[in-house]
C-alpha atoms as a PDB file:
ATOM      1  CA  MET A   1    -132.478  64.581  29.305  1.00  0.00           C
ATOM      2  CA  THR A   2    -131.512  67.692  27.356  1.00  0.00           C
ATOM      3  CA  ASP A   3    -130.880  67.596  23.626  1.00  0.00           C
ATOM      4  CA  TYR A   4    -127.831  65.667  22.520  1.00  0.00           C
ATOM      5  CA  LYS A   5    -125.910  64.458  19.490  1.00  0.00           C
ATOM      6  CA  LEU A   6    -124.077  61.158  18.963  1.00  0.00           C
ATOM      7  CA  GLY A   7    -120.695  60.586  17.358  1.00  0.00           C
ATOM      8  CA  ALA A   8    -117.573  58.451  17.479  1.00  0.00           C
ATOM      9  CA  GLY A   9    -113.903  59.160  17.973  1.00  0.00           C
ATOM     10  CA  ILE A  10    -110.552  58.037  19.279  1.00  0.00           C
ATOM     11  CA  VAL A  11    -109.900  59.284  22.806  1.00  0.00           C
ATOM     12  CA  ASP A  12    -106.516  58.589  24.431  1.00  0.00           C
ATOM     13  CA  GLY A  13    -105.743  56.004  21.764  1.00  0.00           C
ATOM     14  CA  ALA A  14    -108.999  54.019  21.985  1.00  0.00           C
ATOM     15  CA  PRO A  15    -112.161  54.297  19.850  1.00  0.00           C
ATOM     16  CA  ALA A  16    -115.341  55.196  21.723  1.00  0.00           C
ATOM     17  CA  PRO A  17    -118.932  56.227  21.046  1.00  0.00           C
ATOM     18  CA  LEU A  18    -119.388  59.885  22.011  1.00  0.00           C
ATOM     19  CA  ILE A  19    -122.262  62.093  23.102  1.00  0.00           C
ATOM     20  CA  LEU A  20    -122.439  65.885  22.837  1.00  0.00           C
ATOM     21  CA  ILE A  21    -124.512  67.571  25.559  1.00  0.00           C
ATOM     22  CA  ASP A  22    -124.635  71.362  25.856  1.00  0.00           C
ATOM     23  CA  ASP A  23    -121.565  71.636  23.605  1.00  0.00           C
ATOM     24  CA  ARG A  24    -119.596  69.326  25.906  1.00  0.00           C
ATOM     25  CA  ILE A  25    -118.271  65.961  24.748  1.00  0.00           C
ATOM     26  CA  TYR A  26    -118.487  62.815  26.881  1.00  0.00           C
ATOM     27  CA  LYS A  27    -117.889  59.143  26.282  1.00  0.00           C
ATOM     28  CA  LEU A  28    -121.336  57.666  25.793  1.00  0.00           C
ATOM     29  CA  ASN A  29    -120.607  54.792  28.173  1.00  0.00           C
ATOM     30  CA  ASP A  30    -119.696  57.260  30.929  1.00  0.00           C
ATOM     31  CA  VAL A  31    -123.215  58.700  30.950  1.00  0.00           C
ATOM     32  CA  LEU A  32    -125.063  55.405  30.388  1.00  0.00           C
ATOM     33  CA  HIS A  33    -125.516  53.571  33.652  1.00  0.00           C
ATOM     34  CA  ASP A  34    -127.317  50.364  32.673  1.00  0.00           C
ATOM     35  CA  VAL A  35    -125.745  49.299  29.374  1.00  0.00           C
ATOM     36  CA  HIS A  36    -122.343  49.305  27.622  1.00  0.00           C
ATOM     37  CA  VAL A  37    -121.863  49.758  23.863  1.00  0.00           C
ATOM     38  CA  ASP A  38    -118.672  49.456  21.852  1.00  0.00           C
ATOM     39  CA  THR A  39    -119.884  51.233  18.697  1.00  0.00           C
ATOM     40  CA  LEU A  40    -122.707  53.482  17.552  1.00  0.00           C
ATOM     41  CA  GLU A  41    -123.778  50.674  15.235  1.00  0.00           C
ATOM     42  CA  GLU A  42    -125.025  48.876  18.347  1.00  0.00           C
ATOM     43  CA  VAL A  43    -127.023  51.975  19.291  1.00  0.00           C
ATOM     44  CA  PHE A  44    -128.747  52.395  15.942  1.00  0.00           C
ATOM     45  CA  PHE A  45    -129.382  48.669  15.380  1.00  0.00           C
ATOM     46  CA  ASP A  46    -131.501  48.836  18.562  1.00  0.00           C
ATOM     47  CA  TRP A  47    -132.556  52.461  18.303  1.00  0.00           C
ATOM     48  CA  GLU A  48    -136.006  52.323  19.896  1.00  0.00           C
ATOM     49  CA  ASN A  49    -134.595  50.757  23.050  1.00  0.00           C
ATOM     50  CA  MET A  50    -131.326  52.696  23.080  1.00  0.00           C
ATOM     51  CA  GLU A  51    -132.998  56.067  22.581  1.00  0.00           C
ATOM     52  CA  ARG A  52    -134.971  55.488  25.791  1.00  0.00           C
ATOM     53  CA  ARG A  53    -131.803  54.485  27.632  1.00  0.00           C
ATOM     54  CA  ILE A  54    -129.893  57.529  26.398  1.00  0.00           C
ATOM     55  CA  ASP A  55    -132.801  59.733  27.478  1.00  0.00           C
ATOM     56  CA  ARG A  56    -132.194  58.465  31.016  1.00  0.00           C
ATOM     57  CA  ALA A  57    -128.446  59.087  30.811  1.00  0.00           C
ATOM     58  CA  ASP A  58    -126.896  61.588  33.190  1.00  0.00           C
ATOM     59  CA  SER A  59    -123.697  63.576  32.687  1.00  0.00           C
ATOM     60  CA  ALA A  60    -123.727  64.933  36.262  1.00  0.00           C
ATOM     61  CA  GLY A  61    -120.396  64.281  37.902  1.00  0.00           C
ATOM     62  CA  GLN A  62    -118.707  63.372  34.628  1.00  0.00           C
ATOM     63  CA  THR A  63    -115.775  65.416  33.321  1.00  0.00           C
ATOM     64  CA  PRO A  64    -116.187  66.542  29.702  1.00  0.00           C
ATOM     65  CA  ILE A  65    -113.521  65.489  27.215  1.00  0.00           C
ATOM     66  CA  ASP A  66    -111.344  68.258  25.838  1.00  0.00           C
ATOM     67  CA  SER A  67    -112.078  68.356  22.101  1.00  0.00           C
ATOM     68  CA  GLU A  68    -108.326  68.464  21.467  1.00  0.00           C
ATOM     69  CA  ARG A  69    -108.160  64.890  22.798  1.00  0.00           C
ATOM     70  CA  VAL A  70    -110.683  63.640  20.233  1.00  0.00           C
ATOM     71  CA  THR A  71    -109.825  62.364  16.774  1.00  0.00           C
ATOM     72  CA  PHE A  72    -113.214  61.965  15.167  1.00  0.00           C
ATOM     73  CA  LEU A  73    -114.294  58.828  13.345  1.00  0.00           C
ATOM     74  CA  PRO A  74    -117.287  58.548  11.012  1.00  0.00           C
ATOM     75  CA  PRO A  75    -120.270  58.271  13.375  1.00  0.00           C
ATOM     76  CA  LEU A  76    -121.108  54.960  11.709  1.00  0.00           C
ATOM     77  CA  SER A  77    -118.160  53.174  10.096  1.00  0.00           C
ATOM     78  CA  THR A  78    -119.917  50.033   8.814  1.00  0.00           C
ATOM     79  CA  PRO A  79    -123.441  50.880   7.618  1.00  0.00           C
ATOM     80  CA  ARG A  80    -124.978  48.147   5.516  1.00  0.00           C
ATOM     81  CA  LYS A  81    -125.894  50.692   2.847  1.00  0.00           C
ATOM     82  CA  LEU A  82    -124.708  54.121   1.739  1.00  0.00           C
ATOM     83  CA  ILE A  83    -127.283  55.550  -0.662  1.00  0.00           C
ATOM     84  CA  CYS A  84    -127.036  58.901  -2.435  1.00  0.00           C
ATOM     85  CA  ILE A  85    -129.732  60.869  -4.243  1.00  0.00           C
ATOM     86  CA  GLY A  86    -128.640  62.852  -7.303  1.00  0.00           C
ATOM     87  CA  VAL A  87    -130.039  65.972  -9.020  1.00  0.00           C
ATOM     88  CA  ASN A  88    -132.522  66.656  -6.216  1.00  0.00           C
ATOM     89  CA  TYR A  89    -132.565  70.475  -6.131  1.00  0.00           C
ATOM     90  CA  HIS A  90    -134.116  72.460  -8.997  1.00  0.00           C
ATOM     91  CA  ASP A  91    -131.240  74.959  -9.128  1.00  0.00           C
ATOM     92  CA  HIS A  92    -128.674  72.125  -9.212  1.00  0.00           C
ATOM     93  CA  LEU A  93    -130.488  70.601 -12.214  1.00  0.00           C
ATOM     94  CA  GLU A  94    -130.070  73.878 -14.048  1.00  0.00           C
ATOM     95  CA  GLU A  95    -126.364  74.274 -13.314  1.00  0.00           C
ATOM     96  CA  MET A  96    -125.722  70.639 -14.351  1.00  0.00           C
ATOM     97  CA  LYS A  97    -127.660  71.320 -17.576  1.00  0.00           C
ATOM     98  CA  VAL A  98    -130.220  68.620 -16.855  1.00  0.00           C
ATOM     99  CA  THR A  99    -133.277  69.625 -18.891  1.00  0.00           C
ATOM    100  CA  GLN A 100    -135.710  66.914 -17.753  1.00  0.00           C
ATOM    101  CA  PRO A 101    -136.588  66.827 -14.035  1.00  0.00           C
ATOM    102  CA  PRO A 102    -136.495  63.295 -12.597  1.00  0.00           C
ATOM    103  CA  GLU A 103    -139.806  61.455 -12.214  1.00  0.00           C
ATOM    104  CA  PHE A 104    -138.582  59.783  -9.027  1.00  0.00           C
ATOM    105  CA  PRO A 105    -135.514  60.123  -6.765  1.00  0.00           C
ATOM    106  CA  TYR A 106    -132.399  59.304  -8.805  1.00  0.00           C
ATOM    107  CA  SER A 107    -130.136  57.186  -6.622  1.00  0.00           C
ATOM    108  CA  PHE A 108    -126.853  55.278  -6.515  1.00  0.00           C
ATOM    109  CA  LEU A 109    -124.942  53.182  -3.978  1.00  0.00           C
ATOM    110  CA  ARG A 110    -121.510  53.724  -2.441  1.00  0.00           C
ATOM    111  CA  PRO A 111    -119.100  51.356  -0.660  1.00  0.00           C
ATOM    112  CA  GLN A 112    -118.294  51.791   3.044  1.00  0.00           C
ATOM    113  CA  THR A 113    -114.724  52.726   2.114  1.00  0.00           C
ATOM    114  CA  CYS A 114    -116.068  56.103   0.928  1.00  0.00           C
ATOM    115  CA  LEU A 115    -116.711  57.166   4.521  1.00  0.00           C
ATOM    116  CA  ALA A 116    -114.376  59.690   6.121  1.00  0.00           C
ATOM    117  CA  ALA A 117    -114.492  61.551   9.422  1.00  0.00           C
ATOM    118  CA  HIS A 118    -114.742  65.188  10.401  1.00  0.00           C
ATOM    119  CA  GLY A 119    -111.228  66.621  10.442  1.00  0.00           C
ATOM    120  CA  GLU A 120    -109.787  63.815   8.340  1.00  0.00           C
ATOM    121  CA  ASP A 121    -107.611  64.611   5.322  1.00  0.00           C
ATOM    122  CA  ILE A 122    -109.231  63.524   2.048  1.00  0.00           C
ATOM    123  CA  PRO A 123    -106.790  62.290  -0.628  1.00  0.00           C
ATOM    124  CA  LEU A 124    -107.381  63.672  -4.104  1.00  0.00           C
ATOM    125  CA  PRO A 125    -107.190  60.667  -6.471  1.00  0.00           C
ATOM    126  CA  ALA A 126    -104.290  60.605  -8.900  1.00  0.00           C
ATOM    127  CA  GLY A 127    -106.653  59.507 -11.676  1.00  0.00           C
ATOM    128  CA  ALA A 128    -109.090  62.435 -11.416  1.00  0.00           C
ATOM    129  CA  ARG A 129    -108.669  66.162 -12.019  1.00  0.00           C
ATOM    130  CA  MET A 130    -112.234  67.509 -11.640  1.00  0.00           C
ATOM    131  CA  ASN A 131    -112.879  66.786  -7.956  1.00  0.00           C
ATOM    132  CA  ASP A 132    -115.923  68.634  -6.697  1.00  0.00           C
ATOM    133  CA  TRP A 133    -117.845  69.347  -3.467  1.00  0.00           C
ATOM    134  CA  GLU A 134    -121.512  68.692  -2.618  1.00  0.00           C
ATOM    135  CA  ALA A 135    -123.160  69.760   0.664  1.00  0.00           C
ATOM    136  CA  GLU A 136    -125.937  67.372   1.682  1.00  0.00           C
ATOM    137  CA  LEU A 137    -128.333  66.472   4.471  1.00  0.00           C
ATOM    138  CA  GLY A 138    -127.903  62.845   5.518  1.00  0.00           C
ATOM    139  CA  ILE A 139    -130.629  60.540   6.868  1.00  0.00           C
ATOM    140  CA  VAL A 140    -129.744  57.780   9.362  1.00  0.00           C
ATOM    141  CA  MET A 141    -132.215  54.913   9.611  1.00  0.00           C
ATOM    142  CA  GLY A 142    -133.322  53.593  13.014  1.00  0.00           C
ATOM    143  CA  ARG A 143    -135.480  50.656  11.981  1.00  0.00           C
ATOM    144  CA  ARG A 144    -136.320  48.567   8.939  1.00  0.00           C
ATOM    145  CA  PHE A 145    -138.512  50.096   6.258  1.00  0.00           C
ATOM    146  CA  GLY A 146    -139.090  48.236   3.017  1.00  0.00           C
ATOM    147  CA  PRO A 147    -141.511  46.823   0.462  1.00  0.00           C
ATOM    148  CA  GLY A 148    -144.912  46.266   2.007  1.00  0.00           C
ATOM    149  CA  ASP A 149    -144.422  48.655   4.926  1.00  0.00           C
ATOM    150  CA  ARG A 150    -147.419  50.973   5.169  1.00  0.00           C
ATOM    151  CA  GLY A 151    -146.365  53.155   8.096  1.00  0.00           C
ATOM    152  CA  GLU A 152    -144.991  56.659   7.948  1.00  0.00           C
ATOM    153  CA  PRO A 153    -141.452  56.392   6.546  1.00  0.00           C
ATOM    154  CA  ARG A 154    -140.189  59.213   8.735  1.00  0.00           C
ATOM    155  CA  ASP A 155    -141.005  57.097  11.795  1.00  0.00           C
ATOM    156  CA  ALA A 156    -138.178  54.779  10.707  1.00  0.00           C
ATOM    157  CA  VAL A 157    -135.581  57.588  10.822  1.00  0.00           C
ATOM    158  CA  ALA A 158    -133.269  57.678  13.843  1.00  0.00           C
ATOM    159  CA  GLY A 159    -131.525  60.938  13.034  1.00  0.00           C
ATOM    160  CA  TYR A 160    -129.845  63.292  10.609  1.00  0.00           C
ATOM    161  CA  THR A 161    -126.226  64.123   9.854  1.00  0.00           C
ATOM    162  CA  VAL A 162    -124.009  66.240   7.568  1.00  0.00           C
ATOM    163  CA  VAL A 163    -122.525  64.825   4.362  1.00  0.00           C
ATOM    164  CA  ASN A 164    -120.067  66.030   1.716  1.00  0.00           C
ATOM    165  CA  ASP A 165    -120.788  63.993  -1.439  1.00  0.00           C
ATOM    166  CA  VAL A 166    -117.425  64.426  -3.160  1.00  0.00           C
ATOM    167  CA  SER A 167    -117.509  63.791  -6.911  1.00  0.00           C
ATOM    168  CA  ALA A 168    -114.918  63.276  -9.652  1.00  0.00           C
ATOM    169  CA  ARG A 169    -116.627  65.089 -12.525  1.00  0.00           C
ATOM    170  CA  ASP A 170    -114.164  63.730 -15.099  1.00  0.00           C
ATOM    171  CA  TRP A 171    -116.647  60.912 -15.715  1.00  0.00           C
ATOM    172  CA  ILE A 172    -119.463  63.284 -16.556  1.00  0.00           C
ATOM    173  CA  VAL A 173    -117.403  64.974 -19.268  1.00  0.00           C
ATOM    174  CA  ASN A 174    -115.854  61.733 -20.543  1.00  0.00           C
ATOM    175  CA  ARG A 175    -118.848  59.463 -20.144  1.00  0.00           C
ATOM    176  CA  PRO A 176    -118.850  56.216 -22.145  1.00  0.00           C
ATOM    177  CA  TRP A 177    -121.691  55.475 -24.557  1.00  0.00           C
ATOM    178  CA  VAL A 178    -123.506  53.405 -21.928  1.00  0.00           C
ATOM    179  CA  GLY A 179    -123.805  56.457 -19.655  1.00  0.00           C
ATOM    180  CA  ILE A 180    -122.049  58.016 -16.651  1.00  0.00           C
ATOM    181  CA  ASP A 181    -119.675  55.704 -14.787  1.00  0.00           C
ATOM    182  CA  TRP A 182    -120.945  56.295 -11.240  1.00  0.00           C
ATOM    183  CA  VAL A 183    -118.237  54.159  -9.656  1.00  0.00           C
ATOM    184  CA  MET A 184    -115.499  56.234 -11.258  1.00  0.00           C
ATOM    185  CA  GLN A 185    -117.264  59.443 -10.264  1.00  0.00           C
ATOM    186  CA  LYS A 186    -118.330  58.588  -6.711  1.00  0.00           C
ATOM    187  CA  ALA A 187    -116.655  55.506  -5.221  1.00  0.00           C
ATOM    188  CA  TRP A 188    -113.119  56.716  -4.463  1.00  0.00           C
ATOM    189  CA  ASP A 189    -111.860  56.084  -0.938  1.00  0.00           C
ATOM    190  CA  LYS A 190    -112.985  58.736   1.590  1.00  0.00           C
ATOM    191  CA  PHE A 191    -115.260  60.482  -0.936  1.00  0.00           C
ATOM    192  CA  GLN A 192    -118.097  60.740   1.586  1.00  0.00           C
ATOM    193  CA  PRO A 193    -117.031  62.646   4.688  1.00  0.00           C
ATOM    194  CA  THR A 194    -119.874  62.332   7.199  1.00  0.00           C
ATOM    195  CA  GLY A 195    -120.600  63.734  10.657  1.00  0.00           C
ATOM    196  CA  PRO A 196    -119.209  64.592  13.066  1.00  0.00           C
ATOM    197  CA  TRP A 197    -122.556  64.145  14.819  1.00  0.00           C
ATOM    198  CA  ILE A 198    -125.881  62.414  14.337  1.00  0.00           C
ATOM    199  CA  THR A 199    -128.775  64.459  15.714  1.00  0.00           C
ATOM    200  CA  PRO A 200    -131.816  62.415  16.835  1.00  0.00           C
ATOM    201  CA  ALA A 201    -134.813  62.892  14.551  1.00  0.00           C
ATOM    202  CA  ARG A 202    -137.109  64.134  17.293  1.00  0.00           C
ATOM    203  CA  GLN A 203    -134.771  67.126  17.722  1.00  0.00           C
ATOM    204  CA  VAL A 204    -135.183  67.980  14.013  1.00  0.00           C
ATOM    205  CA  PRO A 205    -138.920  68.669  13.721  1.00  0.00           C
ATOM    206  CA  ASN A 206    -138.740  69.854  10.104  1.00  0.00           C
ATOM    207  CA  PRO A 207    -135.799  68.385   8.168  1.00  0.00           C
ATOM    208  CA  ASP A 208    -137.395  69.696   4.964  1.00  0.00           C
ATOM    209  CA  ALA A 209    -136.653  73.302   6.018  1.00  0.00           C
ATOM    210  CA  LEU A 210    -132.999  73.432   7.116  1.00  0.00           C
ATOM    211  CA  ASP A 211    -130.409  75.936   5.933  1.00  0.00           C
ATOM    212  CA  ILE A 212    -127.479  74.215   4.244  1.00  0.00           C
ATOM    213  CA  SER A 213    -124.192  75.788   3.144  1.00  0.00           C
ATOM    214  CA  LEU A 214    -120.661  74.976   2.067  1.00  0.00           C
ATOM    215  CA  THR A 215    -117.456  77.003   2.054  1.00  0.00           C
ATOM    216  CA  VAL A 216    -114.082  76.378   0.447  1.00  0.00           C
ATOM    217  CA  ASN A 217    -111.252  78.107   2.321  1.00  0.00           C
ATOM    218  CA  GLY A 218    -113.876  80.313   3.973  1.00  0.00           C
ATOM    219  CA  ALA A 219    -115.530  81.445   0.721  1.00  0.00           C
ATOM    220  CA  ILE A 220    -119.228  80.583   0.416  1.00  0.00           C
ATOM    221  CA  LYS A 221    -119.894  78.282  -2.539  1.00  0.00           C
ATOM    222  CA  GLN A 222    -123.303  76.791  -1.671  1.00  0.00           C
ATOM    223  CA  GLN A 223    -126.085  78.413   0.343  1.00  0.00           C
ATOM    224  CA  SER A 224    -129.609  77.025   0.234  1.00  0.00           C
ATOM    225  CA  ASN A 225    -132.355  75.328   2.237  1.00  0.00           C
ATOM    226  CA  THR A 226    -133.694  71.783   2.194  1.00  0.00           C
ATOM    227  CA  SER A 227    -137.144  73.238   1.423  1.00  0.00           C
ATOM    228  CA  LYS A 228    -135.838  73.429  -2.157  1.00  0.00           C
ATOM    229  CA  LEU A 229    -135.464  69.656  -2.452  1.00  0.00           C
ATOM    230  CA  ILE A 230    -137.372  68.211  -5.407  1.00  0.00           C
ATOM    231  CA  PHE A 231    -138.068  65.045  -3.417  1.00  0.00           C
ATOM    232  CA  GLY A 232    -138.262  65.504   0.349  1.00  0.00           C
ATOM    233  CA  ILE A 233    -137.509  63.020   3.115  1.00  0.00           C
ATOM    234  CA  ASP A 234    -140.793  61.084   2.883  1.00  0.00           C
ATOM    235  CA  ALA A 235    -140.678  60.793  -0.911  1.00  0.00           C
ATOM    236  CA  ILE A 236    -137.073  59.558  -0.839  1.00  0.00           C
ATOM    237  CA  LEU A 237    -137.805  56.935   1.806  1.00  0.00           C
ATOM    238  CA  ARG A 238    -140.987  55.727   0.144  1.00  0.00           C
ATOM    239  CA  HIS A 239    -139.174  55.360  -3.171  1.00  0.00           C
ATOM    240  CA  LEU A 240    -136.126  53.554  -1.781  1.00  0.00           C
ATOM    241  CA  GLY A 241    -138.222  51.493   0.639  1.00  0.00           C
ATOM    242  CA  GLY A 242    -140.326  50.288  -2.275  1.00  0.00           C
ATOM    243  CA  ILE A 243    -137.207  48.829  -3.884  1.00  0.00           C
ATOM    244  CA  MET A 244    -135.133  47.527  -0.983  1.00  0.00           C
ATOM    245  CA  THR A 245    -135.390  47.077   2.762  1.00  0.00           C
ATOM    246  CA  LEU A 246    -133.755  50.037   4.449  1.00  0.00           C
ATOM    247  CA  GLU A 247    -132.053  48.898   7.638  1.00  0.00           C
ATOM    248  CA  PRO A 248    -130.938  50.465  10.929  1.00  0.00           C
ATOM    249  CA  GLY A 249    -127.730  52.426  10.462  1.00  0.00           C
ATOM    250  CA  ASP A 250    -128.174  52.922   6.714  1.00  0.00           C
ATOM    251  CA  ILE A 251    -127.129  56.426   5.606  1.00  0.00           C
ATOM    252  CA  ILE A 252    -128.957  58.232   2.807  1.00  0.00           C
ATOM    253  CA  ALA A 253    -127.544  61.467   1.345  1.00  0.00           C
ATOM    254  CA  THR A 254    -130.428  63.550   0.007  1.00  0.00           C
ATOM    255  CA  GLY A 255    -128.812  65.591  -2.787  1.00  0.00           C
ATOM    256  CA  THR A 256    -126.990  68.903  -3.155  1.00  0.00           C
ATOM    257  CA  PRO A 257    -128.115  72.434  -4.076  1.00  0.00           C
ATOM    258  CA  ALA A 258    -126.581  74.732  -6.672  1.00  0.00           C
ATOM    259  CA  GLY A 259    -123.038  76.019  -6.269  1.00  0.00           C
ATOM    260  CA  VAL A 260    -120.916  72.996  -7.111  1.00  0.00           C
ATOM    261  CA  GLY A 261    -117.630  73.661  -8.860  1.00  0.00           C
ATOM    262  CA  PHE A 262    -118.657  71.918 -12.089  1.00  0.00           C
ATOM    263  CA  GLY A 263    -121.585  74.289 -12.560  1.00  0.00           C
ATOM    264  CA  ARG A 264    -119.561  77.490 -12.099  1.00  0.00           C
ATOM    265  CA  ASP A 265    -118.257  79.729 -14.887  1.00  0.00           C
ATOM    266  CA  PRO A 266    -115.358  79.313 -14.940  1.00  0.00           C
ATOM    267  CA  GLN A 267    -115.447  75.886 -13.347  1.00  0.00           C
ATOM    268  CA  GLU A 268    -113.684  75.374 -10.023  1.00  0.00           C
ATOM    269  CA  PHE A 269    -112.314  72.143  -8.600  1.00  0.00           C
ATOM    270  CA  LEU A 270    -110.636  71.099  -5.387  1.00  0.00           C
ATOM    271  CA  ARG A 271    -106.890  71.495  -5.017  1.00  0.00           C
ATOM    272  CA  SER A 272    -104.461  70.178  -2.457  1.00  0.00           C
ATOM    273  CA  GLY A 273    -104.729  72.221   0.724  1.00  0.00           C
ATOM    274  CA  ASP A 274    -108.344  73.294   0.193  1.00  0.00           C
ATOM    275  CA  ARG A 275    -110.438  73.214   3.364  1.00  0.00           C
ATOM    276  CA  VAL A 276    -114.127  72.492   2.874  1.00  0.00           C
ATOM    277  CA  ALA A 277    -116.795  73.081   5.549  1.00  0.00           C
ATOM    278  CA  VAL A 278    -120.392  71.888   5.240  1.00  0.00           C
ATOM    279  CA  THR A 279    -122.981  73.235   7.687  1.00  0.00           C
ATOM    280  CA  VAL A 280    -126.562  72.070   8.120  1.00  0.00           C
ATOM    281  CA  GLU A 281    -128.764  74.093  10.455  1.00  0.00           C
ATOM    282  CA  GLY A 282    -129.004  72.492  13.877  1.00  0.00           C
ATOM    283  CA  LEU A 283    -126.815  69.527  12.945  1.00  0.00           C
ATOM    284  CA  GLY A 284    -123.331  71.032  13.012  1.00  0.00           C
ATOM    285  CA  THR A 285    -120.369  71.590  10.705  1.00  0.00           C
ATOM    286  CA  LEU A 286    -118.280  68.986   8.891  1.00  0.00           C
ATOM    287  CA  GLU A 287    -114.766  70.124   7.910  1.00  0.00           C
ATOM    288  CA  ASN A 288    -112.082  68.385   5.855  1.00  0.00           C
ATOM    289  CA  THR A 289    -108.861  69.295   4.115  1.00  0.00           C
ATOM    290  CA  PHE A 290    -108.113  67.840   0.683  1.00  0.00           C
ATOM    291  CA  VAL A 291    -104.543  66.690   0.089  1.00  0.00           C
END
């Protein structure tokens, strides 16, 4: 089978797993001939088997879906874990005035309610004024990898996706004495737009060397490459997998490069009507409007 990407959306009023082949969208079940799945969670929970089945899929004779008929959903709506890595590009450390590089990947967890889809409007919270953008490469796990596992961590990755790690910077400026309140900064509803597609890992031979960029209303704000990560894919997975068991469908956001609004002079923050687009080389573009 040719290269493909996997996603999810509402087509003619019903949710469906989707597959993108040669820039044409199909319902995944229409091209699978020996299995039926209701969600992409089912695909990634059984990735080794499902990848082989999808490789045998055939779109011949199937009519592509007009993209205008698709309302995208997050590719995975109920991952067991959403994990984000902070301050993971050298230039981002500088703009955030972090003087001591981290000794290991600095991470935090998010609730599932942070997920939002490509094309979905993102509500700006009434309680925050310093809402900021962060372009990131996302990892999607395809099998368990945890304490005691000695294999190559990258072998446990099913694919990669595009993430916007939205942040309310108010709780960096007004941090309490115990430190930054990460829930108040990161856990607002729909603060992690993700997708629209997951690209299988075998189609991304070098995820540590992908161009990554972000625009706000068409103006470039971030432009970098994942080669500038402080901790690359393997280091992130080894660190996290030494603490917890990473599971199929888990999404890990790997950090953002320089160019966030908080680090600019003067600072810039998202306003109602702003349209943000995040592009990762080979993976696609994620666009959302903030309201």
